[in-house]
PDB file of N, CA and C in Angstrom:
ATOM      1  N   MET A   1      -2.076  36.402   2.685  1.00  0.00           N
ATOM      2  CA  MET A   1      -2.739  35.705   1.594  1.00  0.00           C
ATOM      3  C   MET A   1      -1.707  35.386   0.520  1.00  0.00           C
ATOM      4  N   SER A   2      -1.843  34.252  -0.088  1.00  0.00           N
ATOM      5  CA  SER A   2      -0.896  33.782  -1.088  1.00  0.00           C
ATOM      6  C   SER A   2      -1.243  34.308  -2.479  1.00  0.00           C
ATOM      7  N   ASP A   3      -0.214  34.525  -3.269  1.00  0.00           N
ATOM      8  CA  ASP A   3      -0.417  34.978  -4.642  1.00  0.00           C
ATOM      9  C   ASP A   3      -0.267  33.840  -5.644  1.00  0.00           C
ATOM     10  N   LYS A   4      -0.492  32.630  -5.218  1.00  0.00           N
ATOM     11  CA  LYS A   4      -0.340  31.473  -6.097  1.00  0.00           C
ATOM     12  C   LYS A   4      -1.521  31.374  -7.044  1.00  0.00           C
ATOM     13  N   SER A   5      -1.223  30.881  -8.219  1.00  0.00           N
ATOM     14  CA  SER A   5      -2.290  30.653  -9.188  1.00  0.00           C
ATOM     15  C   SER A   5      -2.980  29.328  -8.873  1.00  0.00           C
ATOM     16  N   LEU A   6      -4.126  29.118  -9.472  1.00  0.00           N
ATOM     17  CA  LEU A   6      -4.828  27.847  -9.273  1.00  0.00           C
ATOM     18  C   LEU A   6      -3.987  26.686  -9.777  1.00  0.00           C
ATOM     19  N   ARG A   7      -3.271  26.911 -10.872  1.00  0.00           N
ATOM     20  CA  ARG A   7      -2.400  25.856 -11.414  1.00  0.00           C
ATOM     21  C   ARG A   7      -1.317  25.491 -10.394  1.00  0.00           C
ATOM     22  N   GLU A   8      -0.723  26.493  -9.762  1.00  0.00           N
ATOM     23  CA  GLU A   8       0.306  26.223  -8.755  1.00  0.00           C
ATOM     24  C   GLU A   8      -0.281  25.483  -7.555  1.00  0.00           C
ATOM     25  N   LEU A   9      -1.457  25.878  -7.137  1.00  0.00           N
ATOM     26  CA  LEU A   9      -2.118  25.159  -6.047  1.00  0.00           C
ATOM     27  C   LEU A   9      -2.411  23.717  -6.455  1.00  0.00           C
ATOM     28  N   GLY A  10      -2.834  23.534  -7.711  1.00  0.00           N
ATOM     29  CA  GLY A  10      -3.076  22.183  -8.218  1.00  0.00           C
ATOM     30  C   GLY A  10      -1.818  21.342  -8.195  1.00  0.00           C
ATOM     31  N   GLU A  11      -0.687  21.961  -8.515  1.00  0.00           N
ATOM     32  CA  GLU A  11       0.584  21.235  -8.481  1.00  0.00           C
ATOM     33  C   GLU A  11       0.963  20.861  -7.051  1.00  0.00           C
ATOM     34  N   GLU A  12       0.642  21.728  -6.094  1.00  0.00           N
ATOM     35  CA  GLU A  12       0.887  21.388  -4.693  1.00  0.00           C
ATOM     36  C   GLU A  12       0.027  20.196  -4.272  1.00  0.00           C
ATOM     37  N   TYR A  13      -1.215  20.181  -4.725  1.00  0.00           N
ATOM     38  CA  TYR A  13      -2.086  19.042  -4.432  1.00  0.00           C
ATOM     39  C   TYR A  13      -1.539  17.775  -5.071  1.00  0.00           C
ATOM     40  N   GLU A  14      -0.986  17.899  -6.270  1.00  0.00           N
ATOM     41  CA  GLU A  14      -0.374  16.750  -6.937  1.00  0.00           C
ATOM     42  C   GLU A  14       0.783  16.207  -6.110  1.00  0.00           C
ATOM     43  N   SER A  15       1.597  17.100  -5.576  1.00  0.00           N
ATOM     44  CA  SER A  15       2.714  16.683  -4.718  1.00  0.00           C
ATOM     45  C   SER A  15       2.200  15.981  -3.475  1.00  0.00           C
ATOM     46  N   ALA A  16       1.132  16.510  -2.906  1.00  0.00           N
ATOM     47  CA  ALA A  16       0.540  15.884  -1.722  1.00  0.00           C
ATOM     48  C   ALA A  16       0.028  14.486  -2.058  1.00  0.00           C
ATOM     49  N   ALA A  17      -0.565  14.329  -3.236  1.00  0.00           N
ATOM     50  CA  ALA A  17      -1.063  13.008  -3.655  1.00  0.00           C
ATOM     51  C   ALA A  17       0.097  12.019  -3.792  1.00  0.00           C
ATOM     52  N   ALA A  18       1.247  12.498  -4.261  1.00  0.00           N
ATOM     53  CA  ALA A  18       2.421  11.631  -4.392  1.00  0.00           C
ATOM     54  C   ALA A  18       2.910  11.182  -3.016  1.00  0.00           C
ATOM     55  N   ILE A  19       2.858  12.077  -2.043  1.00  0.00           N
ATOM     56  CA  ILE A  19       3.262  11.722  -0.674  1.00  0.00           C
ATOM     57  C   ILE A  19       2.304  10.680  -0.099  1.00  0.00           C
ATOM     58  N   ILE A  20       1.026  10.860  -0.349  1.00  0.00           N
ATOM     59  CA  ILE A  20       0.034   9.885   0.123  1.00  0.00           C
ATOM     60  C   ILE A  20       0.281   8.535  -0.541  1.00  0.00           C
ATOM     61  N   LYS A  21       0.645   8.559  -1.813  1.00  0.00           N
ATOM     62  CA  LYS A  21       0.940   7.316  -2.538  1.00  0.00           C
ATOM     63  C   LYS A  21       2.111   6.577  -1.887  1.00  0.00           C
ATOM     64  N   GLU A  22       3.121   7.322  -1.452  1.00  0.00           N
ATOM     65  CA  GLU A  22       4.257   6.713  -0.761  1.00  0.00           C
ATOM     66  C   GLU A  22       3.816   6.094   0.569  1.00  0.00           C
ATOM     67  N   ARG A  23       2.934   6.778   1.279  1.00  0.00           N
ATOM     68  CA  ARG A  23       2.411   6.238   2.538  1.00  0.00           C
ATOM     69  C   ARG A  23       1.632   4.954   2.286  1.00  0.00           C
ATOM     70  N   ILE A  24       0.873   4.923   1.188  1.00  0.00           N
ATOM     71  CA  ILE A  24       0.124   3.715   0.823  1.00  0.00           C
ATOM     72  C   ILE A  24       1.083   2.566   0.572  1.00  0.00           C
ATOM     73  N   ALA A  25       2.143   2.839  -0.173  1.00  0.00           N
ATOM     74  CA  ALA A  25       3.125   1.794  -0.481  1.00  0.00           C
ATOM     75  C   ALA A  25       3.752   1.246   0.801  1.00  0.00           C
ATOM     76  N   ALA A  26       4.064   2.123   1.750  1.00  0.00           N
ATOM     77  CA  ALA A  26       4.656   1.681   3.016  1.00  0.00           C
ATOM     78  C   ALA A  26       3.671   0.819   3.808  1.00  0.00           C
ATOM     79  N   LYS A  27       2.412   1.228   3.846  1.00  0.00           N
ATOM     80  CA  LYS A  27       1.397   0.449   4.580  1.00  0.00           C
ATOM     81  C   LYS A  27       1.168  -0.904   3.913  1.00  0.00           C
ATOM     82  N   ARG A  28       1.155  -0.926   2.586  1.00  0.00           N
ATOM     83  CA  ARG A  28       0.971  -2.200   1.873  1.00  0.00           C
ATOM     84  C   ARG A  28       2.127  -3.140   2.160  1.00  0.00           C
ATOM     85  N   LYS A  29       3.339  -2.579   2.217  1.00  0.00           N
ATOM     86  CA  LYS A  29       4.517  -3.395   2.526  1.00  0.00           C
ATOM     87  C   LYS A  29       4.389  -3.975   3.933  1.00  0.00           C
ATOM     88  N   GLN A  30       3.962  -3.141   4.882  1.00  0.00           N
ATOM     89  CA  GLN A  30       3.751  -3.616   6.252  1.00  0.00           C
ATOM     90  C   GLN A  30       2.744  -4.756   6.274  1.00  0.00           C
ATOM     91  N   LEU A  31       1.677  -4.605   5.514  1.00  0.00           N
ATOM     92  CA  LEU A  31       0.634  -5.622   5.478  1.00  0.00           C
ATOM     93  C   LEU A  31       1.169  -6.934   4.909  1.00  0.00           C
ATOM     94  N   ARG A  32       1.963  -6.839   3.838  1.00  0.00           N
ATOM     95  CA  ARG A  32       2.541  -8.053   3.233  1.00  0.00           C
ATOM     96  C   ARG A  32       3.525  -8.753   4.172  1.00  0.00           C
ATOM     97  N   GLU A  33       4.198  -7.972   5.005  1.00  0.00           N
ATOM     98  CA  GLU A  33       5.233  -8.529   5.874  1.00  0.00           C
ATOM     99  C   GLU A  33       4.701  -9.070   7.195  1.00  0.00           C
ATOM    100  N   LEU A  34       3.413  -8.989   7.406  1.00  0.00           N
ATOM    101  CA  LEU A  34       2.854  -9.511   8.658  1.00  0.00           C
ATOM    102  C   LEU A  34       3.144 -11.002   8.763  1.00  0.00           C
ATOM    103  N   LYS A  35       3.740 -11.378   9.847  1.00  0.00           N
ATOM    104  CA  LYS A  35       4.067 -12.788  10.051  1.00  0.00           C
ATOM    105  C   LYS A  35       2.856 -13.538  10.611  1.00  0.00           C
ATOM    106  N   GLU A  36       2.009 -12.794  11.317  1.00  0.00           N
ATOM    107  CA  GLU A  36       0.814 -13.402  11.889  1.00  0.00           C
ATOM    108  C   GLU A  36      -0.267 -13.520  10.825  1.00  0.00           C
ATOM    109  N   SER A  37      -1.371 -14.021  11.215  1.00  0.00           N
ATOM    110  CA  SER A  37      -2.504 -14.197  10.319  1.00  0.00           C
ATOM    111  C   SER A  37      -2.925 -12.873   9.697  1.00  0.00           C
ATOM    112  N   ILE A  38      -3.339 -12.936   8.460  1.00  0.00           N
ATOM    113  CA  ILE A  38      -3.812 -11.742   7.753  1.00  0.00           C
ATOM    114  C   ILE A  38      -5.102 -11.225   8.383  1.00  0.00           C
ATOM    115  N   CYS A  39      -5.706 -12.014   9.256  1.00  0.00           N
ATOM    116  CA  CYS A  39      -6.940 -11.622   9.943  1.00  0.00           C
ATOM    117  C   CYS A  39      -6.671 -11.040  11.330  1.00  0.00           C
ATOM    118  N   SER A  40      -5.433 -10.754  11.637  1.00  0.00           N
ATOM    119  CA  SER A  40      -5.099 -10.225  12.962  1.00  0.00           C
ATOM    120  C   SER A  40      -5.590  -8.789  13.125  1.00  0.00           C
ATOM    121  N   ASN A  41      -5.556  -8.316  14.363  1.00  0.00           N
ATOM    122  CA  ASN A  41      -5.954  -6.933  14.634  1.00  0.00           C
ATOM    123  C   ASN A  41      -5.046  -5.944  13.903  1.00  0.00           C
ATOM    124  N   GLU A  42      -3.762  -6.263  13.867  1.00  0.00           N
ATOM    125  CA  GLU A  42      -2.815  -5.380  13.179  1.00  0.00           C
ATOM    126  C   GLU A  42      -3.161  -5.275  11.695  1.00  0.00           C
ATOM    127  N   ALA A  43      -3.507  -6.393  11.088  1.00  0.00           N
ATOM    128  CA  ALA A  43      -3.890  -6.383   9.679  1.00  0.00           C
ATOM    129  C   ALA A  43      -5.158  -5.567   9.482  1.00  0.00           C
ATOM    130  N   TYR A  44      -6.095  -5.716  10.402  1.00  0.00           N
ATOM    131  CA  TYR A  44      -7.343  -4.948  10.316  1.00  0.00           C
ATOM    132  C   TYR A  44      -7.066  -3.450  10.369  1.00  0.00           C
ATOM    133  N   VAL A  45      -6.197  -3.036  11.280  1.00  0.00           N
ATOM    134  CA  VAL A  45      -5.841  -1.619  11.417  1.00  0.00           C
ATOM    135  C   VAL A  45      -5.170  -1.122  10.137  1.00  0.00           C
ATOM    136  N   LEU A  46      -4.233  -1.903   9.600  1.00  0.00           N
ATOM    137  CA  LEU A  46      -3.545  -1.503   8.372  1.00  0.00           C
ATOM    138  C   LEU A  46      -4.519  -1.379   7.206  1.00  0.00           C
ATOM    139  N   LYS A  47      -5.426  -2.333   7.086  1.00  0.00           N
ATOM    140  CA  LYS A  47      -6.412  -2.278   6.006  1.00  0.00           C
ATOM    141  C   LYS A  47      -7.324  -1.064   6.148  1.00  0.00           C
ATOM    142  N   SER A  48      -7.690  -0.752   7.373  1.00  0.00           N
ATOM    143  CA  SER A  48      -8.522   0.419   7.626  1.00  0.00           C
ATOM    144  C   SER A  48      -7.776   1.701   7.252  1.00  0.00           C
ATOM    145  N   GLU A  49      -6.497   1.782   7.629  1.00  0.00           N
ATOM    146  CA  GLU A  49      -5.683   2.942   7.269  1.00  0.00           C
ATOM    147  C   GLU A  49      -5.526   3.054   5.749  1.00  0.00           C
ATOM    148  N   LEU A  50      -5.338   1.925   5.097  1.00  0.00           N
ATOM    149  CA  LEU A  50      -5.213   1.933   3.635  1.00  0.00           C
ATOM    150  C   LEU A  50      -6.482   2.446   2.969  1.00  0.00           C
ATOM    151  N   LYS A  51      -7.611   2.015   3.472  1.00  0.00           N
ATOM    152  CA  LYS A  51      -8.886   2.477   2.911  1.00  0.00           C
ATOM    153  C   LYS A  51      -8.980   3.999   2.980  1.00  0.00           C
ATOM    154  N   THR A  52      -8.608   4.553   4.123  1.00  0.00           N
ATOM    155  CA  THR A  52      -8.630   6.006   4.297  1.00  0.00           C
ATOM    156  C   THR A  52      -7.624   6.683   3.377  1.00  0.00           C
ATOM    157  N   LEU A  53      -6.425   6.124   3.284  1.00  0.00           N
ATOM    158  CA  LEU A  53      -5.392   6.718   2.430  1.00  0.00           C
ATOM    159  C   LEU A  53      -5.784   6.693   0.955  1.00  0.00           C
ATOM    160  N   TYR A  54      -6.397   5.598   0.511  1.00  0.00           N
ATOM    161  CA  TYR A  54      -6.846   5.530  -0.885  1.00  0.00           C
ATOM    162  C   TYR A  54      -7.870   6.626  -1.186  1.00  0.00           C
ATOM    163  N   ALA A  55      -8.795   6.846  -0.261  1.00  0.00           N
ATOM    164  CA  ALA A  55      -9.798   7.896  -0.443  1.00  0.00           C
ATOM    165  C   ALA A  55      -9.134   9.275  -0.469  1.00  0.00           C
ATOM    166  N   GLU A  56      -8.192   9.492   0.444  1.00  0.00           N
ATOM    167  CA  GLU A  56      -7.469  10.774   0.479  1.00  0.00           C
ATOM    168  C   GLU A  56      -6.728  11.018  -0.830  1.00  0.00           C
ATOM    169  N   GLN A  57      -6.062   9.979  -1.315  1.00  0.00           N
ATOM    170  CA  GLN A  57      -5.292  10.133  -2.546  1.00  0.00           C
ATOM    171  C   GLN A  57      -6.209  10.444  -3.729  1.00  0.00           C
ATOM    172  N   ARG A  58      -7.318   9.720  -3.829  1.00  0.00           N
ATOM    173  CA  ARG A  58      -8.251   9.956  -4.916  1.00  0.00           C
ATOM    174  C   ARG A  58      -8.777  11.387  -4.894  1.00  0.00           C
ATOM    175  N   GLU A  59      -9.202  11.839  -3.728  1.00  0.00           N
ATOM    176  CA  GLU A  59      -9.742  13.188  -3.622  1.00  0.00           C
ATOM    177  C   GLU A  59      -8.676  14.251  -3.883  1.00  0.00           C
ATOM    178  N   THR A  60      -7.469  14.017  -3.408  1.00  0.00           N
ATOM    179  CA  THR A  60      -6.386  14.972  -3.615  1.00  0.00           C
ATOM    180  C   THR A  60      -6.046  15.077  -5.096  1.00  0.00           C
ATOM    181  N   ARG A  61      -6.011  13.944  -5.792  1.00  0.00           N
ATOM    182  CA  ARG A  61      -5.754  13.978  -7.247  1.00  0.00           C
ATOM    183  C   ARG A  61      -6.870  14.697  -7.980  1.00  0.00           C
ATOM    184  N   GLU A  62      -8.117  14.458  -7.576  1.00  0.00           N
ATOM    185  CA  GLU A  62      -9.246  15.124  -8.229  1.00  0.00           C
ATOM    186  C   GLU A  62      -9.198  16.632  -8.022  1.00  0.00           C
ATOM    187  N   ILE A  63      -8.872  17.054  -6.807  1.00  0.00           N
ATOM    188  CA  ILE A  63      -8.756  18.487  -6.536  1.00  0.00           C
ATOM    189  C   ILE A  63      -7.623  19.080  -7.358  1.00  0.00           C
ATOM    190  N   ALA A  64      -6.497  18.381  -7.427  1.00  0.00           N
ATOM    191  CA  ALA A  64      -5.357  18.855  -8.212  1.00  0.00           C
ATOM    192  C   ALA A  64      -5.760  19.068  -9.669  1.00  0.00           C
ATOM    193  N   GLU A  65      -6.416  18.084 -10.239  1.00  0.00           N
ATOM    194  CA  GLU A  65      -6.832  18.181 -11.645  1.00  0.00           C
ATOM    195  C   GLU A  65      -7.838  19.311 -11.832  1.00  0.00           C
ATOM    196  N   TYR A  66      -8.756  19.433 -10.913  1.00  0.00           N
ATOM    197  CA  TYR A  66      -9.772  20.486 -10.990  1.00  0.00           C
ATOM    198  C   TYR A  66      -9.115  21.862 -10.964  1.00  0.00           C
ATOM    199  N   LEU A  67      -8.185  22.065 -10.037  1.00  0.00           N
ATOM    200  CA  LEU A  67      -7.518  23.361  -9.926  1.00  0.00           C
ATOM    201  C   LEU A  67      -6.648  23.663 -11.138  1.00  0.00           C
ATOM    202  N   LYS A  68      -5.919  22.652 -11.600  1.00  0.00           N
ATOM    203  CA  LYS A  68      -5.003  22.872 -12.725  1.00  0.00           C
ATOM    204  C   LYS A  68      -5.738  23.171 -14.026  1.00  0.00           C
ATOM    205  N   THR A  69      -6.946  22.673 -14.157  1.00  0.00           N
ATOM    206  CA  THR A  69      -7.681  22.858 -15.418  1.00  0.00           C
ATOM    207  C   THR A  69      -8.885  23.785 -15.252  1.00  0.00           C
ATOM    208  N   TYR A  70      -8.932  24.525 -14.163  1.00  0.00           N
ATOM    209  CA  TYR A  70     -10.099  25.353 -13.862  1.00  0.00           C
ATOM    210  C   TYR A  70     -10.439  26.318 -14.993  1.00  0.00           C
ATOM    211  N   TYR A  71      -9.434  26.936 -15.570  1.00  0.00           N
ATOM    212  CA  TYR A  71      -9.688  27.933 -16.606  1.00  0.00           C
ATOM    213  C   TYR A  71      -9.622  27.376 -18.025  1.00  0.00           C
ATOM    214  N   ASP A  72      -9.360  26.087 -18.148  1.00  0.00           N
ATOM    215  CA  ASP A  72      -9.343  25.469 -19.474  1.00  0.00           C
ATOM    216  C   ASP A  72     -10.766  25.392 -20.009  1.00  0.00           C
ATOM    217  N   PRO A  73     -10.926  25.670 -21.298  1.00  0.00           N
ATOM    218  CA  PRO A  73     -12.273  25.592 -21.873  1.00  0.00           C
ATOM    219  C   PRO A  73     -12.706  24.134 -22.051  1.00  0.00           C
ATOM    220  N   HIS A  74     -13.598  23.698 -21.201  1.00  0.00           N
ATOM    221  CA  HIS A  74     -14.155  22.348 -21.297  1.00  0.00           C
ATOM    222  C   HIS A  74     -15.665  22.450 -21.451  1.00  0.00           C
ATOM    223  N   GLU A  75     -16.143  21.750 -22.397  1.00  0.00           N
ATOM    224  CA  GLU A  75     -17.596  21.693 -22.559  1.00  0.00           C
ATOM    225  C   GLU A  75     -18.124  20.613 -21.622  1.00  0.00           C
ATOM    226  N   GLY A  76     -19.112  20.955 -20.833  1.00  0.00           N
ATOM    227  CA  GLY A  76     -19.687  19.982 -19.911  1.00  0.00           C
ATOM    228  C   GLY A  76     -18.715  19.568 -18.828  1.00  0.00           C
ATOM    229  N   LYS A  77     -17.955  20.515 -18.307  1.00  0.00           N
ATOM    230  CA  LYS A  77     -16.958  20.232 -17.281  1.00  0.00           C
ATOM    231  C   LYS A  77     -17.619  19.591 -16.067  1.00  0.00           C
ATOM    232  N   LYS A  78     -17.027  18.506 -15.577  1.00  0.00           N
ATOM    233  CA  LYS A  78     -17.626  17.813 -14.437  1.00  0.00           C
ATOM    234  C   LYS A  78     -17.337  18.572 -13.147  1.00  0.00           C
ATOM    235  N   GLU A  79     -18.266  18.464 -12.249  1.00  0.00           N
ATOM    236  CA  GLU A  79     -18.107  19.077 -10.943  1.00  0.00           C
ATOM    237  C   GLU A  79     -17.133  18.263 -10.118  1.00  0.00           C
ATOM    238  N   ILE A  80     -16.454  18.925  -9.218  1.00  0.00           N
ATOM    239  CA  ILE A  80     -15.544  18.203  -8.343  1.00  0.00           C
ATOM    240  C   ILE A  80     -16.368  17.351  -7.389  1.00  0.00           C
ATOM    241  N   PHE A  81     -15.938  16.121  -7.163  1.00  0.00           N
ATOM    242  CA  PHE A  81     -16.595  15.146  -6.303  1.00  0.00           C
ATOM    243  C   PHE A  81     -18.000  14.789  -6.766  1.00  0.00           C
ATOM    244  N   SER A  82     -18.233  14.763  -8.051  1.00  0.00           N
ATOM    245  CA  SER A  82     -19.534  14.291  -8.524  1.00  0.00           C
ATOM    246  C   SER A  82     -19.404  12.805  -8.838  1.00  0.00           C
ATOM    247  N   TYR A  83     -19.812  11.984  -7.913  1.00  0.00           N
ATOM    248  CA  TYR A  83     -19.680  10.532  -8.054  1.00  0.00           C
ATOM    249  C   TYR A  83     -20.959   9.931  -8.610  1.00  0.00           C
ATOM    250  N   LYS A  84     -21.331  10.339  -9.774  1.00  0.00           N
ATOM    251  CA  LYS A  84     -22.569   9.821 -10.391  1.00  0.00           C
ATOM    252  C   LYS A  84     -22.255   8.740 -11.369  1.00  0.00           C
TER     253      LYS A  84
END
């Protein structure tokens, strides 16, 4: 079992979000460089992967923020993944 604090775990999640951001940038570059039609199967696959990566990045950033500020005194603190 790890002895890391929630803040340290949050920082690890932040690092993971940065890696996902780099993957997004690479996929976007691939999409821009497509010589074929933007409606090709390859473009469809890239767009689908981007959609998944954007969701992963958003959730990873939210978890990071939640962990890093878990013990901070917040009035009316929002729940993690409350998309209301």
